[in-house]
Protein backbone atom coordinates (compact mmCIF):
# COMPACT_ATOMS: atom_id res chain seq x y z
CA UNK A 1 182.45 -268.91 -3.36
CA UNK A 2 185.40 -266.73 -4.17
CA UNK A 3 185.71 -263.94 -6.74
CA UNK A 4 184.99 -260.22 -6.74
CA UNK A 5 182.21 -259.17 -4.27
CA UNK A 6 180.63 -255.78 -3.73
CA UNK A 7 178.03 -254.53 -1.22
CA UNK A 8 174.88 -253.03 -2.75
CA UNK A 9 172.76 -250.77 -0.61
CA UNK A 10 169.00 -251.13 -0.33
CA UNK A 11 168.47 -248.19 1.99
CA UNK A 12 168.49 -247.58 5.74
CA UNK A 13 167.82 -250.46 8.14
CA UNK A 14 166.25 -248.28 10.76
CA UNK A 15 162.51 -248.99 10.99
CA UNK A 16 160.32 -245.89 10.67
CA UNK A 17 163.16 -243.84 9.15
CA UNK A 18 162.57 -242.99 5.55
CA UNK A 19 165.48 -244.03 3.34
CA UNK A 20 166.80 -241.62 0.78
CA UNK A 21 165.77 -243.09 -2.57
CA UNK A 22 169.18 -242.25 -4.05
CA UNK A 23 170.84 -244.91 -1.84
CA UNK A 24 168.98 -247.71 -3.54
CA UNK A 25 171.35 -249.75 -5.74
CA UNK A 26 174.42 -247.81 -4.75
CA UNK A 27 177.69 -249.67 -4.15
CA UNK A 28 179.83 -249.25 -1.09
CA UNK A 29 182.79 -247.11 -2.15
CA UNK A 30 184.54 -246.65 1.22
CA UNK A 31 183.74 -246.74 4.93
CA UNK A 32 185.43 -245.85 8.24
CA UNK A 33 183.83 -247.33 11.35
CA UNK A 34 186.07 -245.20 13.56
CA UNK A 35 184.90 -241.85 12.05
CA UNK A 36 182.74 -239.50 14.08
CA UNK A 37 184.03 -241.00 17.38
CA UNK A 38 183.08 -244.62 16.40
CA UNK A 39 179.78 -243.75 14.84
CA UNK A 40 181.18 -244.38 11.39
CA UNK A 41 180.81 -243.02 7.86
CA UNK A 42 180.21 -244.63 4.51
CA UNK A 43 180.48 -243.47 0.94
CA UNK A 44 178.27 -244.85 -1.75
CA UNK A 45 178.61 -244.73 -5.51
CA UNK A 46 176.60 -245.68 -8.58
CA UNK A 47 179.91 -246.40 -10.44
CA UNK A 48 180.68 -250.14 -10.19
CA UNK A 49 184.32 -249.43 -11.08
CA UNK A 50 184.64 -247.31 -7.91
CA UNK A 51 183.01 -249.82 -5.60
CA UNK A 52 185.15 -251.57 -2.85
CA UNK A 53 185.96 -255.17 -3.79
CA UNK A 54 186.01 -258.12 -1.45
CA UNK A 55 187.66 -261.47 -2.29
CA UNK A 56 184.79 -263.54 -0.96
CA UNK A 57 181.32 -263.54 0.62
CA UNK A 58 182.79 -263.87 4.18
CA UNK A 59 184.98 -260.79 3.69
CA UNK A 60 182.06 -258.75 2.27
CA UNK A 61 179.76 -259.67 5.18
CA UNK A 62 182.50 -259.20 7.73
CA UNK A 63 183.09 -255.65 6.46
CA UNK A 64 179.38 -254.91 6.81
CA UNK A 65 179.56 -256.29 10.46
CA UNK A 66 182.78 -254.46 11.47
CA UNK A 67 182.68 -253.32 15.13
CA UNK A 68 184.12 -249.87 16.01
CA UNK A 69 187.10 -250.05 18.43
CA UNK A 70 186.49 -246.48 19.62
CA UNK A 71 182.83 -247.16 20.49
CA UNK A 72 182.46 -251.03 20.60
CA UNK A 73 178.96 -250.87 22.22
CA UNK A 74 175.85 -248.91 21.40
CA UNK A 75 173.91 -247.24 24.29
CA UNK A 76 171.60 -250.30 24.22
CA UNK A 77 174.61 -252.56 24.99
CA UNK A 78 174.68 -254.20 21.54
CA UNK A 79 177.75 -254.33 19.34
CA UNK A 80 178.25 -251.08 17.49
CA UNK A 81 178.44 -252.03 13.84
CA UNK A 82 177.98 -248.72 11.94
CA UNK A 83 177.48 -250.16 8.49
CA UNK A 84 174.50 -252.26 9.72
CA UNK A 85 172.53 -248.99 9.60
CA UNK A 86 172.16 -249.95 5.89
CA UNK A 87 170.38 -252.83 4.32
CA UNK A 88 172.95 -254.32 1.96
CA UNK A 89 173.21 -257.15 -0.36
CA UNK A 90 176.58 -258.81 -1.04
CA UNK A 91 176.76 -259.38 -4.83
CA UNK A 92 179.22 -261.56 -6.70
CA UNK A 93 180.43 -259.92 -9.89
CA UNK A 94 180.48 -261.92 -13.13
């Protein structure tokens, strides 16, 4: 399904780590998986107009699953996908 998609945050994905309540319902504004030597950074916003837009569901999920080129593997050997530290919901805008 194509259109305008955004990613909505529902907190941190790390089990046992409390999620800041202010993350709930925030939209992804920007991200850089190469920041902090491949550990990544993300900015979230409550303003839908400032949210990153994706043309389809595949692009939205693909952004969330982006692997760092600087640090492609985590210490446990799994792919390093910094945005997967967050539980997100792709949402199609009306």
